[in-house]
Structure formats: structure tokens, C-alpha cells
Amino acid sequence: MYEDLTEDLPEIYQAILEDERRKRYLKEIGDWLVEEYYEPNQAS
């Protein structure tokens, strides 16, 4: 049972890393969109 788990660990870890990277990427895009579009509109 545990042998299977340790073989899968790299894939699971990779999936988690990919997910974190995607979240960070989306957050950066969101922050950029807010800066570009939302804040200039607030000033006018």
C-alpha cells in the first residue's frame, strides 16, 4: 500500500505546485487589472 503512495508522491507534489503557481498567477493578473482599470476610474 505505502509503496504505491510513495511512487505517486512526486505527481501529487507536482500537481500542488502547479496549483499554487496558477493561483499566484491569477492573483497577479487580478492585482494588475485593478491597478490598470479600477484605480484610474476612481480618480476621475
PDB file of N, CA and C in Angstrom:
ATOM      1  N   MET A   1       0.825  -1.205   0.000  1.00  0.00           N
ATOM      2  CA  MET A   1       0.000   0.000   0.000  1.00  0.00           C
ATOM      3  C   MET A   1       0.867   1.266   0.000  1.00  0.00           C
ATOM      4  N   TYR A   2       1.807   1.325   0.931  1.00  0.00           N
ATOM      5  CA  TYR A   2       2.637   2.527   1.025  1.00  0.00           C
ATOM      6  C   TYR A   2       3.574   2.681  -0.164  1.00  0.00           C
ATOM      7  N   GLU A   3       3.947   1.546  -0.780  1.00  0.00           N
ATOM      8  CA  GLU A   3       4.816   1.634  -1.946  1.00  0.00           C
ATOM      9  C   GLU A   3       4.136   2.455  -3.049  1.00  0.00           C
ATOM     10  N   ASP A   4       2.837   2.219  -3.242  1.00  0.00           N
ATOM     11  CA  ASP A   4       2.092   2.966  -4.260  1.00  0.00           C
ATOM     12  C   ASP A   4       2.072   4.450  -3.936  1.00  0.00           C
ATOM     13  N   LEU A   5       1.902   4.748  -2.676  1.00  0.00           N
ATOM     14  CA  LEU A   5       1.793   6.144  -2.252  1.00  0.00           C
ATOM     15  C   LEU A   5       3.093   6.894  -2.526  1.00  0.00           C
ATOM     16  N   THR A   6       4.220   6.287  -2.178  1.00  0.00           N
ATOM     17  CA  THR A   6       5.488   6.979  -2.383  1.00  0.00           C
ATOM     18  C   THR A   6       5.787   7.156  -3.868  1.00  0.00           C
ATOM     19  N   GLU A   7       5.315   6.244  -4.707  1.00  0.00           N
ATOM     20  CA  GLU A   7       5.512   6.419  -6.145  1.00  0.00           C
ATOM     21  C   GLU A   7       4.664   7.565  -6.684  1.00  0.00           C
ATOM     22  N   ASP A   8       3.498   7.753  -6.096  1.00  0.00           N
ATOM     23  CA  ASP A   8       2.599   8.820  -6.550  1.00  0.00           C
ATOM     24  C   ASP A   8       2.979  10.191  -6.000  1.00  0.00           C
ATOM     25  N   LEU A   9       3.746  10.211  -4.920  1.00  0.00           N
ATOM     26  CA  LEU A   9       4.059  11.481  -4.268  1.00  0.00           C
ATOM     27  C   LEU A   9       4.612  12.550  -5.206  1.00  0.00           C
ATOM     28  N   PRO A  10       5.604  12.245  -6.032  1.00  0.00           N
ATOM     29  CA  PRO A  10       6.098  13.296  -6.934  1.00  0.00           C
ATOM     30  C   PRO A  10       4.990  13.900  -7.796  1.00  0.00           C
ATOM     31  N   GLU A  11       4.083  13.068  -8.298  1.00  0.00           N
ATOM     32  CA  GLU A  11       2.986  13.582  -9.127  1.00  0.00           C
ATOM     33  C   GLU A  11       2.055  14.465  -8.319  1.00  0.00           C
ATOM     34  N   ILE A  12       1.743  14.016  -7.090  1.00  0.00           N
ATOM     35  CA  ILE A  12       0.860  14.805  -6.225  1.00  0.00           C
ATOM     36  C   ILE A  12       1.522  16.145  -5.909  1.00  0.00           C
ATOM     37  N   TYR A  13       2.805  16.088  -5.549  1.00  0.00           N
ATOM     38  CA  TYR A  13       3.547  17.304  -5.217  1.00  0.00           C
ATOM     39  C   TYR A  13       3.583  18.248  -6.408  1.00  0.00           C
ATOM     40  N   GLN A  14       3.802  17.679  -7.591  1.00  0.00           N
ATOM     41  CA  GLN A  14       3.834  18.481  -8.818  1.00  0.00           C
ATOM     42  C   GLN A  14       2.489  19.168  -9.043  1.00  0.00           C
ATOM     43  N   ALA A  15       1.408  18.425  -8.826  1.00  0.00           N
ATOM     44  CA  ALA A  15       0.071  18.986  -9.010  1.00  0.00           C
ATOM     45  C   ALA A  15      -0.178  20.134  -8.041  1.00  0.00           C
ATOM     46  N   ILE A  16       0.267  19.961  -6.796  1.00  0.00           N
ATOM     47  CA  ILE A  16       0.103  21.026  -5.798  1.00  0.00           C
ATOM     48  C   ILE A  16       0.905  22.255  -6.211  1.00  0.00           C
ATOM     49  N   LEU A  17       2.137  22.033  -6.659  1.00  0.00           N
ATOM     50  CA  LEU A  17       2.970  23.152  -7.105  1.00  0.00           C
ATOM     51  C   LEU A  17       2.322  23.893  -8.260  1.00  0.00           C
ATOM     52  N   GLU A  18       1.819  23.140  -9.231  1.00  0.00           N
ATOM     53  CA  GLU A  18       1.149  23.752 -10.381  1.00  0.00           C
ATOM     54  C   GLU A  18      -0.031  24.595  -9.927  1.00  0.00           C
ATOM     55  N   ASP A  19      -0.798  24.068  -8.973  1.00  0.00           N
ATOM     56  CA  ASP A  19      -1.973  24.762  -8.467  1.00  0.00           C
ATOM     57  C   ASP A  19      -1.580  26.067  -7.786  1.00  0.00           C
ATOM     58  N   GLU A  20      -0.525  26.008  -6.954  1.00  0.00           N
ATOM     59  CA  GLU A  20      -0.050  27.217  -6.277  1.00  0.00           C
ATOM     60  C   GLU A  20       0.415  28.252  -7.281  1.00  0.00           C
ATOM     61  N   ARG A  21       1.124  27.783  -8.304  1.00  0.00           N
ATOM     62  CA  ARG A  21       1.635  28.700  -9.321  1.00  0.00           C
ATOM     63  C   ARG A  21       0.485  29.367 -10.056  1.00  0.00           C
ATOM     64  N   ARG A  22      -0.550  28.570 -10.358  1.00  0.00           N
ATOM     65  CA  ARG A  22      -1.719  29.103 -11.065  1.00  0.00           C
ATOM     66  C   ARG A  22      -2.420  30.145 -10.199  1.00  0.00           C
ATOM     67  N   LYS A  23      -2.571  29.851  -8.908  1.00  0.00           N
ATOM     68  CA  LYS A  23      -3.227  30.805  -8.004  1.00  0.00           C
ATOM     69  C   LYS A  23      -2.457  32.114  -7.938  1.00  0.00           C
ATOM     70  N   ARG A  24      -1.132  32.012  -7.829  1.00  0.00           N
ATOM     71  CA  ARG A  24      -0.307  33.212  -7.735  1.00  0.00           C
ATOM     72  C   ARG A  24      -0.413  34.021  -9.018  1.00  0.00           C
ATOM     73  N   TYR A  25      -0.409  33.320 -10.157  1.00  0.00           N
ATOM     74  CA  TYR A  25      -0.507  33.957 -11.464  1.00  0.00           C
ATOM     75  C   TYR A  25      -1.833  34.704 -11.591  1.00  0.00           C
ATOM     76  N   LEU A  26      -2.917  34.037 -11.206  1.00  0.00           N
ATOM     77  CA  LEU A  26      -4.233  34.668 -11.293  1.00  0.00           C
ATOM     78  C   LEU A  26      -4.326  35.863 -10.361  1.00  0.00           C
ATOM     79  N   LYS A  27      -3.736  35.764  -9.181  1.00  0.00           N
ATOM     80  CA  LYS A  27      -3.757  36.875  -8.243  1.00  0.00           C
ATOM     81  C   LYS A  27      -2.998  38.064  -8.821  1.00  0.00           C
ATOM     82  N   GLU A  28      -1.839  37.793  -9.433  1.00  0.00           N
ATOM     83  CA  GLU A  28      -1.059  38.877 -10.025  1.00  0.00           C
ATOM     84  C   GLU A  28      -1.835  39.549 -11.148  1.00  0.00           C
ATOM     85  N   ILE A  29      -2.499  38.763 -11.977  1.00  0.00           N
ATOM     86  CA  ILE A  29      -3.315  39.326 -13.049  1.00  0.00           C
ATOM     87  C   ILE A  29      -4.443  40.164 -12.461  1.00  0.00           C
ATOM     88  N   GLY A  30      -5.093  39.644 -11.435  1.00  0.00           N
ATOM     89  CA  GLY A  30      -6.177  40.376 -10.775  1.00  0.00           C
ATOM     90  C   GLY A  30      -5.694  41.706 -10.221  1.00  0.00           C
ATOM     91  N   ASP A  31      -4.540  41.671  -9.543  1.00  0.00           N
ATOM     92  CA  ASP A  31      -3.982  42.901  -8.981  1.00  0.00           C
ATOM     93  C   ASP A  31      -3.656  43.901 -10.083  1.00  0.00           C
ATOM     94  N   TRP A  32      -3.089  43.398 -11.184  1.00  0.00           N
ATOM     95  CA  TRP A  32      -2.731  44.272 -12.284  1.00  0.00           C
ATOM     96  C   TRP A  32      -3.981  44.896 -12.896  1.00  0.00           C
ATOM     97  N   LEU A  33      -5.033  44.092 -13.082  1.00  0.00           N
ATOM     98  CA  LEU A  33      -6.275  44.611 -13.652  1.00  0.00           C
ATOM     99  C   LEU A  33      -6.865  45.705 -12.770  1.00  0.00           C
ATOM    100  N   VAL A  34      -6.827  45.488 -11.472  1.00  0.00           N
ATOM    101  CA  VAL A  34      -7.343  46.501 -10.542  1.00  0.00           C
ATOM    102  C   VAL A  34      -6.545  47.793 -10.687  1.00  0.00           C
ATOM    103  N   GLU A  35      -5.214  47.664 -10.728  1.00  0.00           N
ATOM    104  CA  GLU A  35      -4.366  48.859 -10.865  1.00  0.00           C
ATOM    105  C   GLU A  35      -4.617  49.573 -12.180  1.00  0.00           C
ATOM    106  N   GLU A  36      -4.739  48.815 -13.255  1.00  0.00           N
ATOM    107  CA  GLU A  36      -4.871  49.403 -14.585  1.00  0.00           C
ATOM    108  C   GLU A  36      -6.235  50.048 -14.820  1.00  0.00           C
ATOM    109  N   TYR A  37      -7.286  49.360 -14.378  1.00  0.00           N
ATOM    110  CA  TYR A  37      -8.623  49.807 -14.774  1.00  0.00           C
ATOM    111  C   TYR A  37      -9.431  50.422 -13.643  1.00  0.00           C
ATOM    112  N   TYR A  38      -9.336  49.855 -12.471  1.00  0.00           N
ATOM    113  CA  TYR A  38     -10.221  50.290 -11.404  1.00  0.00           C
ATOM    114  C   TYR A  38      -9.738  51.611 -10.785  1.00  0.00           C
ATOM    115  N   GLU A  39      -8.460  51.657 -10.433  1.00  0.00           N
ATOM    116  CA  GLU A  39      -7.949  52.827  -9.743  1.00  0.00           C
ATOM    117  C   GLU A  39      -7.992  54.116 -10.576  1.00  0.00           C
ATOM    118  N   PRO A  40      -7.636  54.087 -11.866  1.00  0.00           N
ATOM    119  CA  PRO A  40      -7.775  55.324 -12.658  1.00  0.00           C
ATOM    120  C   PRO A  40      -9.213  55.824 -12.731  1.00  0.00           C
ATOM    121  N   ASN A  41     -10.177  54.916 -12.759  1.00  0.00           N
ATOM    122  CA  ASN A  41     -11.577  55.317 -12.784  1.00  0.00           C
ATOM    123  C   ASN A  41     -12.006  55.964 -11.487  1.00  0.00           C
ATOM    124  N   GLN A  42     -11.402  55.552 -10.385  1.00  0.00           N
ATOM    125  CA  GLN A  42     -11.727  56.137  -9.080  1.00  0.00           C
ATOM    126  C   GLN A  42     -11.310  57.609  -9.053  1.00  0.00           C
ATOM    127  N   ALA A  43     -10.202  57.925  -9.723  1.00  0.00           N
ATOM    128  CA  ALA A  43      -9.668  59.286  -9.677  1.00  0.00           C
ATOM    129  C   ALA A  43     -10.562  60.268 -10.419  1.00  0.00           C
ATOM    130  N   SER A  44     -11.212  59.828 -11.493  1.00  0.00           N
ATOM    131  CA  SER A  44     -11.980  60.767 -12.327  1.00  0.00           C
ATOM    132  C   SER A  44     -13.280  61.181 -11.655  1.00  0.00           C
TER     133      SER A  44
END
